[in-house]
Amino acid sequence: MADEIKYEYKTVQTVRGTDGLVISKMQKDGWEFVEQTQGALRSTLSFRRPKKPQPWLLIGAATAVLVILAVVIGTASALSDGDEKKDESAEPAAAASEKPSTTPTPTATEPAAAEVITPENNPKFAALLKTADTCDDANVDFATKYEGQTIAFNGSIVHMTPHGDYDTRYDFLLGPGDKGPNTTVGPDFKFEDVNVFELKLTGKEIPATVGVGDKFRFVAEVGEFNAVQCLFFLDPISTETR
């Protein structure tokens, strides 16, 4: 039916006790609360909202413009190729008898490796590690600007819990500094659904297991910041004992 409402759906995992806050925030953003699934430590909340109608006329017009551009570019490319072939055929035959130059051809310079972001070389990252508000907008700004890049910082494990029903896969909550569960500053960094092997432990003495309070030098890839849960997601690259 033409008037049938189509919905988009979204699920959000919350820590016990924060369900009401999350539902209120999602409803302000236009989401309709559908159902709640209660787990041992977390809840899964389901939401939906009507999809916005697609501007089909604008899409069709844009497609037509792209087709015209493709034809124009293809014609220009063909004409350019023809001119180049004429120029090549016009070169004097004597050029073939010229002696090759003895000057070595310079090799292309390899691109420099991307710099690892640390508190020492990036003032924004240094300030982020000292913020007392885990939901601060600075988290969103940093994640947006540096997503996919590598960061390194000294930190500790604030919390560790099995991921879902797994016995050997965990969700790690990390914080800057050495205070473990007593950490009060910095983002709530999270490694989600990883085992100990995937932490890529390094250092002089590599432990067989890890736990809350353990101190490491974390090197990780910047992921997204979940503004609803106030969690800053990272992907582990290496975890060096300290």
C-alpha atoms as a PDB file:
ATOM      1  CA  MET A   1       0.000   0.000   0.000  1.00  0.00           C
ATOM      2  CA  ALA A   2       1.253   3.479  -0.870  1.00  0.00           C
ATOM      3  CA  ASP A   3       0.337   4.864   2.590  1.00  0.00           C
ATOM      4  CA  GLU A   4       1.956   2.042   4.573  1.00  0.00           C
ATOM      5  CA  ILE A   5       4.466   3.412   7.081  1.00  0.00           C
ATOM      6  CA  LYS A   6       7.969   1.968   6.777  1.00  0.00           C
ATOM      7  CA  TYR A   7      10.216   1.954   9.818  1.00  0.00           C
ATOM      8  CA  GLU A   8      13.935   1.859  10.515  1.00  0.00           C
ATOM      9  CA  TYR A   9      15.019  -0.071  13.617  1.00  0.00           C
ATOM     10  CA  LYS A  10      17.815   0.334  16.153  1.00  0.00           C
ATOM     11  CA  THR A  11      18.937  -1.622  19.223  1.00  0.00           C
ATOM     12  CA  VAL A  12      20.972  -0.199  22.092  1.00  0.00           C
ATOM     13  CA  GLN A  13      22.701  -2.092  24.915  1.00  0.00           C
ATOM     14  CA  THR A  14      22.655  -0.380  28.288  1.00  0.00           C
ATOM     15  CA  VAL A  15      24.146  -1.014  31.714  1.00  0.00           C
ATOM     16  CA  ARG A  16      21.592  -1.894  34.373  1.00  0.00           C
ATOM     17  CA  GLY A  17      20.050   1.221  35.922  1.00  0.00           C
ATOM     18  CA  THR A  18      20.491   3.492  32.893  1.00  0.00           C
ATOM     19  CA  ASP A  19      17.531   2.188  30.844  1.00  0.00           C
ATOM     20  CA  GLY A  20      15.285   5.156  31.621  1.00  0.00           C
ATOM     21  CA  LEU A  21      17.895   7.729  30.646  1.00  0.00           C
ATOM     22  CA  VAL A  22      18.625   5.975  27.354  1.00  0.00           C
ATOM     23  CA  ILE A  23      14.921   5.611  26.471  1.00  0.00           C
ATOM     24  CA  SER A  24      14.317   9.301  27.223  1.00  0.00           C
ATOM     25  CA  LYS A  25      17.274  10.397  25.056  1.00  0.00           C
ATOM     26  CA  MET A  26      16.249   8.159  22.141  1.00  0.00           C
ATOM     27  CA  GLN A  27      12.647   9.411  22.279  1.00  0.00           C
ATOM     28  CA  LYS A  28      13.880  13.002  22.107  1.00  0.00           C
ATOM     29  CA  ASP A  29      15.691  12.025  18.899  1.00  0.00           C
ATOM     30  CA  GLY A  30      12.432  10.776  17.389  1.00  0.00           C
ATOM     31  CA  TRP A  31      12.731   7.038  18.208  1.00  0.00           C
ATOM     32  CA  GLU A  32       9.758   5.035  19.457  1.00  0.00           C
ATOM     33  CA  PHE A  33      10.483   2.510  22.249  1.00  0.00           C
ATOM     34  CA  VAL A  34       9.434  -1.015  21.161  1.00  0.00           C
ATOM     35  CA  GLU A  35      10.660  -3.571  23.694  1.00  0.00           C
ATOM     36  CA  GLN A  36      13.293  -4.358  26.318  1.00  0.00           C
ATOM     37  CA  THR A  37      15.270  -7.598  26.776  1.00  0.00           C
ATOM     38  CA  GLN A  38      16.813  -7.891  30.243  1.00  0.00           C
ATOM     39  CA  GLY A  39      20.184  -9.641  30.619  1.00  0.00           C
ATOM     40  CA  ALA A  40      22.269 -10.454  33.690  1.00  0.00           C
ATOM     41  CA  LEU A  41      24.256  -7.194  33.605  1.00  0.00           C
ATOM     42  CA  ARG A  42      22.875  -5.351  30.587  1.00  0.00           C
ATOM     43  CA  SER A  43      19.596  -4.657  28.857  1.00  0.00           C
ATOM     44  CA  THR A  44      18.895  -4.574  25.126  1.00  0.00           C
ATOM     45  CA  LEU A  45      16.458  -1.846  24.116  1.00  0.00           C
ATOM     46  CA  SER A  46      14.710  -1.867  20.734  1.00  0.00           C
ATOM     47  CA  PHE A  47      13.491   1.294  18.995  1.00  0.00           C
ATOM     48  CA  ARG A  48      11.895   2.247  15.693  1.00  0.00           C
ATOM     49  CA  ARG A  49      10.982   5.411  13.778  1.00  0.00           C
ATOM     50  CA  PRO A  50       9.336   6.105  10.424  1.00  0.00           C
ATOM     51  CA  LYS A  51      11.706   6.250   7.489  1.00  0.00           C
ATOM     52  CA  LYS A  52      11.934   9.552   5.698  1.00  0.00           C
ATOM     53  CA  PRO A  53      10.419   9.470   2.156  1.00  0.00           C
ATOM     54  CA  GLN A  54      13.011   9.173  -0.582  1.00  0.00           C
ATOM     55  CA  PRO A  55      13.228  12.190  -2.928  1.00  0.00           C
ATOM     56  CA  TRP A  56      12.882  10.060  -6.053  1.00  0.00           C
ATOM     57  CA  LEU A  57      12.643  13.014  -8.430  1.00  0.00           C
ATOM     58  CA  LEU A  58      15.901  14.473  -7.144  1.00  0.00           C
ATOM     59  CA  ILE A  59      17.587  11.071  -7.299  1.00  0.00           C
ATOM     60  CA  GLY A  60      16.439  10.608 -10.908  1.00  0.00           C
ATOM     61  CA  ALA A  61      17.706  14.041 -11.877  1.00  0.00           C
ATOM     62  CA  ALA A  62      21.055  13.397 -10.218  1.00  0.00           C
ATOM     63  CA  THR A  63      21.375  10.079 -12.048  1.00  0.00           C
ATOM     64  CA  ALA A  64      20.705  11.778 -15.396  1.00  0.00           C
ATOM     65  CA  VAL A  65      23.373  14.392 -14.657  1.00  0.00           C
ATOM     66  CA  LEU A  66      25.891  11.665 -13.823  1.00  0.00           C
ATOM     67  CA  VAL A  67      25.156   9.867 -17.105  1.00  0.00           C
ATOM     68  CA  ILE A  68      25.688  13.087 -19.089  1.00  0.00           C
ATOM     69  CA  LEU A  69      28.955  13.774 -17.255  1.00  0.00           C
ATOM     70  CA  ALA A  70      30.168  10.249 -18.018  1.00  0.00           C
ATOM     71  CA  VAL A  71      29.484  10.718 -21.736  1.00  0.00           C
ATOM     72  CA  VAL A  72      31.261  14.090 -21.800  1.00  0.00           C
ATOM     73  CA  ILE A  73      34.282  12.756 -19.934  1.00  0.00           C
ATOM     74  CA  GLY A  74      34.500   9.695 -22.189  1.00  0.00           C
ATOM     75  CA  THR A  75      34.391  11.853 -25.331  1.00  0.00           C
ATOM     76  CA  ALA A  76      37.061  14.203 -23.989  1.00  0.00           C
ATOM     77  CA  SER A  77      39.254  11.244 -23.067  1.00  0.00           C
ATOM     78  CA  ALA A  78      38.957   9.739 -26.557  1.00  0.00           C
ATOM     79  CA  LEU A  79      39.880  13.063 -28.201  1.00  0.00           C
ATOM     80  CA  SER A  80      42.835  13.469 -25.863  1.00  0.00           C
ATOM     81  CA  ASP A  81      44.118   9.974 -26.696  1.00  0.00           C
ATOM     82  CA  GLY A  82      43.903  10.798 -30.406  1.00  0.00           C
ATOM     83  CA  ASP A  83      45.937  13.988 -29.987  1.00  0.00           C
ATOM     84  CA  GLU A  84      48.600  12.145 -28.008  1.00  0.00           C
ATOM     85  CA  LYS A  85      48.977   9.499 -30.731  1.00  0.00           C
ATOM     86  CA  LYS A  86      49.421  12.251 -33.365  1.00  0.00           C
ATOM     87  CA  ASP A  87      52.112  13.919 -31.256  1.00  0.00           C
ATOM     88  CA  GLU A  88      53.952  10.617 -30.825  1.00  0.00           C
ATOM     89  CA  SER A  89      53.925   9.882 -34.580  1.00  0.00           C
ATOM     90  CA  ALA A  90      55.305  13.365 -35.301  1.00  0.00           C
ATOM     91  CA  GLU A  91      58.483  12.871 -33.258  1.00  0.00           C
ATOM     92  CA  PRO A  92      61.643  12.698 -35.424  1.00  0.00           C
ATOM     93  CA  ALA A  93      63.118   9.265 -35.983  1.00  0.00           C
ATOM     94  CA  ALA A  94      66.501  10.594 -34.918  1.00  0.00           C
ATOM     95  CA  ALA A  95      65.286  10.623 -31.326  1.00  0.00           C
ATOM     96  CA  ALA A  96      65.606   6.835 -31.259  1.00  0.00           C
ATOM     97  CA  SER A  97      69.349   7.060 -31.856  1.00  0.00           C
ATOM     98  CA  GLU A  98      70.017   9.338 -28.912  1.00  0.00           C
ATOM     99  CA  LYS A  99      72.167   7.854 -26.168  1.00  0.00           C
ATOM    100  CA  PRO A 100      70.381   7.108 -22.929  1.00  0.00           C
ATOM    101  CA  SER A 101      71.142   9.465 -20.111  1.00  0.00           C
ATOM    102  CA  THR A 102      73.683   8.259 -17.565  1.00  0.00           C
ATOM    103  CA  THR A 103      71.910  10.172 -14.784  1.00  0.00           C
ATOM    104  CA  PRO A 104      70.105   7.665 -12.543  1.00  0.00           C
ATOM    105  CA  THR A 105      66.360   8.044 -12.361  1.00  0.00           C
ATOM    106  CA  PRO A 106      65.337   9.172  -8.883  1.00  0.00           C
ATOM    107  CA  THR A 107      63.262   6.614  -7.059  1.00  0.00           C
ATOM    108  CA  ALA A 108      59.901   7.586  -5.683  1.00  0.00           C
ATOM    109  CA  THR A 109      59.974   8.449  -2.014  1.00  0.00           C
ATOM    110  CA  GLU A 110      57.950   6.031   0.076  1.00  0.00           C
ATOM    111  CA  PRO A 111      55.140   7.696   2.039  1.00  0.00           C
ATOM    112  CA  ALA A 112      55.997   8.239   5.692  1.00  0.00           C
ATOM    113  CA  ALA A 113      54.277   5.954   8.144  1.00  0.00           C
ATOM    114  CA  ALA A 114      51.301   7.512   9.903  1.00  0.00           C
ATOM    115  CA  GLU A 115      52.311   9.011  13.226  1.00  0.00           C
ATOM    116  CA  VAL A 116      51.001   7.294  16.335  1.00  0.00           C
ATOM    117  CA  ILE A 117      48.951   9.781  18.368  1.00  0.00           C
ATOM    118  CA  THR A 118      50.139  10.149  21.972  1.00  0.00           C
ATOM    119  CA  PRO A 119      49.493  12.699  24.751  1.00  0.00           C
ATOM    120  CA  GLU A 120      53.003  14.033  24.095  1.00  0.00           C
ATOM    121  CA  ASN A 121      52.504  14.875  20.404  1.00  0.00           C
ATOM    122  CA  ASN A 122      48.778  15.701  20.341  1.00  0.00           C
ATOM    123  CA  PRO A 123      47.399  18.368  22.731  1.00  0.00           C
ATOM    124  CA  LYS A 124      43.780  17.373  22.005  1.00  0.00           C
ATOM    125  CA  PHE A 125      44.474  13.785  23.034  1.00  0.00           C
ATOM    126  CA  ALA A 126      46.324  14.956  26.156  1.00  0.00           C
ATOM    127  CA  ALA A 127      43.317  17.089  27.162  1.00  0.00           C
ATOM    128  CA  LEU A 128      40.888  14.251  26.394  1.00  0.00           C
ATOM    129  CA  LEU A 129      42.697  11.914  28.801  1.00  0.00           C
ATOM    130  CA  LYS A 130      42.240  14.451  31.604  1.00  0.00           C
ATOM    131  CA  THR A 131      38.557  15.268  31.139  1.00  0.00           C
ATOM    132  CA  ALA A 132      36.309  14.376  34.073  1.00  0.00           C
ATOM    133  CA  ASP A 133      33.148  14.007  31.952  1.00  0.00           C
ATOM    134  CA  THR A 134      32.993  10.712  30.039  1.00  0.00           C
ATOM    135  CA  CYS A 135      30.113  12.097  27.929  1.00  0.00           C
ATOM    136  CA  ASP A 136      31.910  15.315  26.965  1.00  0.00           C
ATOM    137  CA  ASP A 137      31.552  16.437  23.334  1.00  0.00           C
ATOM    138  CA  ALA A 138      35.356  16.337  23.081  1.00  0.00           C
ATOM    139  CA  ASN A 139      35.001  12.549  22.749  1.00  0.00           C
ATOM    140  CA  VAL A 140      32.792  12.895  19.664  1.00  0.00           C
ATOM    141  CA  ASP A 141      35.088  15.499  18.101  1.00  0.00           C
ATOM    142  CA  PHE A 142      38.213  13.387  18.630  1.00  0.00           C
ATOM    143  CA  ALA A 143      36.598  10.137  17.382  1.00  0.00           C
ATOM    144  CA  THR A 144      35.265  11.892  14.276  1.00  0.00           C
ATOM    145  CA  LYS A 145      38.582  13.527  13.395  1.00  0.00           C
ATOM    146  CA  TYR A 146      40.897  10.595  14.121  1.00  0.00           C
ATOM    147  CA  GLU A 147      38.734   7.503  13.397  1.00  0.00           C
ATOM    148  CA  GLY A 148      40.915   4.731  11.974  1.00  0.00           C
ATOM    149  CA  GLN A 149      44.166   6.256  13.260  1.00  0.00           C
ATOM    150  CA  THR A 150      46.400   4.806  15.972  1.00  0.00           C
ATOM    151  CA  ILE A 151      46.684   6.108  19.528  1.00  0.00           C
ATOM    152  CA  ALA A 152      48.957   5.034  22.399  1.00  0.00           C
ATOM    153  CA  PHE A 153      48.621   5.794  26.125  1.00  0.00           C
ATOM    154  CA  ASN A 154      49.453   4.411  29.556  1.00  0.00           C
ATOM    155  CA  GLY A 155      46.334   3.054  31.215  1.00  0.00           C
ATOM    156  CA  SER A 156      44.769   0.269  33.243  1.00  0.00           C
ATOM    157  CA  ILE A 157      41.774  -2.078  33.188  1.00  0.00           C
ATOM    158  CA  VAL A 158      38.815  -0.431  34.942  1.00  0.00           C
ATOM    159  CA  HIS A 159      36.283  -3.224  34.429  1.00  0.00           C
ATOM    160  CA  MET A 160      36.193  -6.614  32.730  1.00  0.00           C
ATOM    161  CA  THR A 161      33.144  -8.785  32.037  1.00  0.00           C
ATOM    162  CA  PRO A 162      32.380 -11.800  29.793  1.00  0.00           C
ATOM    163  CA  HIS A 163      30.918 -10.820  26.432  1.00  0.00           C
ATOM    164  CA  GLY A 164      27.427 -12.278  26.188  1.00  0.00           C
ATOM    165  CA  ASP A 165      27.443 -15.998  27.027  1.00  0.00           C
ATOM    166  CA  TYR A 166      31.133 -16.509  26.189  1.00  0.00           C
ATOM    167  CA  ASP A 167      33.624 -17.813  28.735  1.00  0.00           C
ATOM    168  CA  THR A 168      36.807 -16.672  26.959  1.00  0.00           C
ATOM    169  CA  ARG A 169      35.683 -13.467  25.237  1.00  0.00           C
ATOM    170  CA  TYR A 170      35.362 -10.251  27.176  1.00  0.00           C
ATOM    171  CA  ASP A 171      34.386  -6.585  27.176  1.00  0.00           C
ATOM    172  CA  PHE A 172      37.182  -4.471  28.673  1.00  0.00           C
ATOM    173  CA  LEU A 173      36.642  -0.986  30.067  1.00  0.00           C
ATOM    174  CA  LEU A 174      39.921   0.959  30.060  1.00  0.00           C
ATOM    175  CA  GLY A 175      41.002   4.228  31.594  1.00  0.00           C
ATOM    176  CA  PRO A 176      44.123   6.396  31.454  1.00  0.00           C
ATOM    177  CA  GLY A 177      46.559   6.222  34.350  1.00  0.00           C
ATOM    178  CA  ASP A 178      47.224   3.538  36.950  1.00  0.00           C
ATOM    179  CA  LYS A 179      44.121   3.603  39.192  1.00  0.00           C
ATOM    180  CA  GLY A 180      42.138   0.734  37.629  1.00  0.00           C
ATOM    181  CA  PRO A 181      38.548   0.672  38.996  1.00  0.00           C
ATOM    182  CA  ASN A 182      39.228   3.925  40.898  1.00  0.00           C
ATOM    183  CA  THR A 183      39.871   5.878  37.681  1.00  0.00           C
ATOM    184  CA  THR A 184      37.954   9.183  37.699  1.00  0.00           C
ATOM    185  CA  VAL A 185      39.251  11.014  34.620  1.00  0.00           C
ATOM    186  CA  GLY A 186      39.406  10.334  30.896  1.00  0.00           C
ATOM    187  CA  PRO A 187      37.018   8.612  28.478  1.00  0.00           C
ATOM    188  CA  ASP A 188      35.528   5.187  29.105  1.00  0.00           C
ATOM    189  CA  PHE A 189      37.586   3.378  26.451  1.00  0.00           C
ATOM    190  CA  LYS A 190      36.182  -0.029  25.501  1.00  0.00           C
ATOM    191  CA  PHE A 191      37.562  -3.169  23.853  1.00  0.00           C
ATOM    192  CA  GLU A 192      34.418  -5.141  22.954  1.00  0.00           C
ATOM    193  CA  ASP A 193      34.175  -8.883  22.289  1.00  0.00           C
ATOM    194  CA  VAL A 194      37.887  -9.774  22.397  1.00  0.00           C
ATOM    195  CA  ASN A 195      39.839 -12.616  23.971  1.00  0.00           C
ATOM    196  CA  VAL A 196      43.172 -12.339  25.766  1.00  0.00           C
ATOM    197  CA  PHE A 197      45.069 -13.446  22.629  1.00  0.00           C
ATOM    198  CA  GLU A 198      43.544 -10.570  20.634  1.00  0.00           C
ATOM    199  CA  LEU A 199      44.975  -8.064  23.122  1.00  0.00           C
ATOM    200  CA  LYS A 200      48.382  -8.912  21.551  1.00  0.00           C
ATOM    201  CA  LEU A 201      50.224  -8.798  24.867  1.00  0.00           C
ATOM    202  CA  THR A 202      53.880  -7.727  24.729  1.00  0.00           C
ATOM    203  CA  GLY A 203      56.599  -6.835  27.232  1.00  0.00           C
ATOM    204  CA  LYS A 204      59.292  -8.461  29.332  1.00  0.00           C
ATOM    205  CA  GLU A 205      56.855 -10.585  31.339  1.00  0.00           C
ATOM    206  CA  ILE A 206      53.702 -11.520  29.454  1.00  0.00           C
ATOM    207  CA  PRO A 207      50.920 -12.683  31.817  1.00  0.00           C
ATOM    208  CA  ALA A 208      48.805 -15.735  31.070  1.00  0.00           C
ATOM    209  CA  THR A 209      45.695 -13.878  32.217  1.00  0.00           C
ATOM    210  CA  VAL A 210      44.666 -10.272  32.755  1.00  0.00           C
ATOM    211  CA  GLY A 211      42.338  -8.664  35.277  1.00  0.00           C
ATOM    212  CA  VAL A 212      40.904  -5.470  36.715  1.00  0.00           C
ATOM    213  CA  GLY A 213      43.628  -3.078  37.855  1.00  0.00           C
ATOM    214  CA  ASP A 214      46.358  -4.426  35.539  1.00  0.00           C
ATOM    215  CA  LYS A 215      48.478  -1.632  34.014  1.00  0.00           C
ATOM    216  CA  PHE A 216      49.493  -1.568  30.337  1.00  0.00           C
ATOM    217  CA  ARG A 217      50.714   0.605  27.491  1.00  0.00           C
ATOM    218  CA  PHE A 218      47.712   0.434  25.153  1.00  0.00           C
ATOM    219  CA  VAL A 219      48.174   0.898  21.408  1.00  0.00           C
ATOM    220  CA  ALA A 220      44.832   0.841  19.605  1.00  0.00           C
ATOM    221  CA  GLU A 221      42.885   2.002  16.575  1.00  0.00           C
ATOM    222  CA  VAL A 222      40.345   4.772  17.121  1.00  0.00           C
ATOM    223  CA  GLY A 223      36.756   3.623  16.627  1.00  0.00           C
ATOM    224  CA  GLU A 224      33.427   5.368  17.157  1.00  0.00           C
ATOM    225  CA  PHE A 225      32.113   7.166  20.229  1.00  0.00           C
ATOM    226  CA  ASN A 226      28.652   6.034  21.342  1.00  0.00           C
ATOM    227  CA  ALA A 227      27.063   9.215  22.692  1.00  0.00           C
ATOM    228  CA  VAL A 228      24.114   7.307  24.208  1.00  0.00           C
ATOM    229  CA  GLN A 229      26.272   4.950  26.294  1.00  0.00           C
ATOM    230  CA  CYS A 230      29.174   7.429  26.602  1.00  0.00           C
ATOM    231  CA  LEU A 231      31.587   4.707  25.462  1.00  0.00           C
ATOM    232  CA  PHE A 232      34.669   5.316  23.294  1.00  0.00           C
ATOM    233  CA  PHE A 233      35.328   2.153  21.266  1.00  0.00           C
ATOM    234  CA  LEU A 234      38.879   1.073  20.371  1.00  0.00           C
ATOM    235  CA  ASP A 235      40.370  -1.907  18.514  1.00  0.00           C
ATOM    236  CA  PRO A 236      43.513  -3.357  20.175  1.00  0.00           C
ATOM    237  CA  ILE A 237      46.792  -3.287  18.237  1.00  0.00           C
ATOM    238  CA  SER A 238      49.202  -4.135  21.063  1.00  0.00           C
ATOM    239  CA  THR A 239      49.066  -4.218  24.858  1.00  0.00           C
ATOM    240  CA  GLU A 240      52.452  -3.839  26.589  1.00  0.00           C
ATOM    241  CA  THR A 241      52.892  -4.696  30.253  1.00  0.00           C
ATOM    242  CA  ARG A 242      54.188  -1.952  32.539  1.00  0.00           C
END
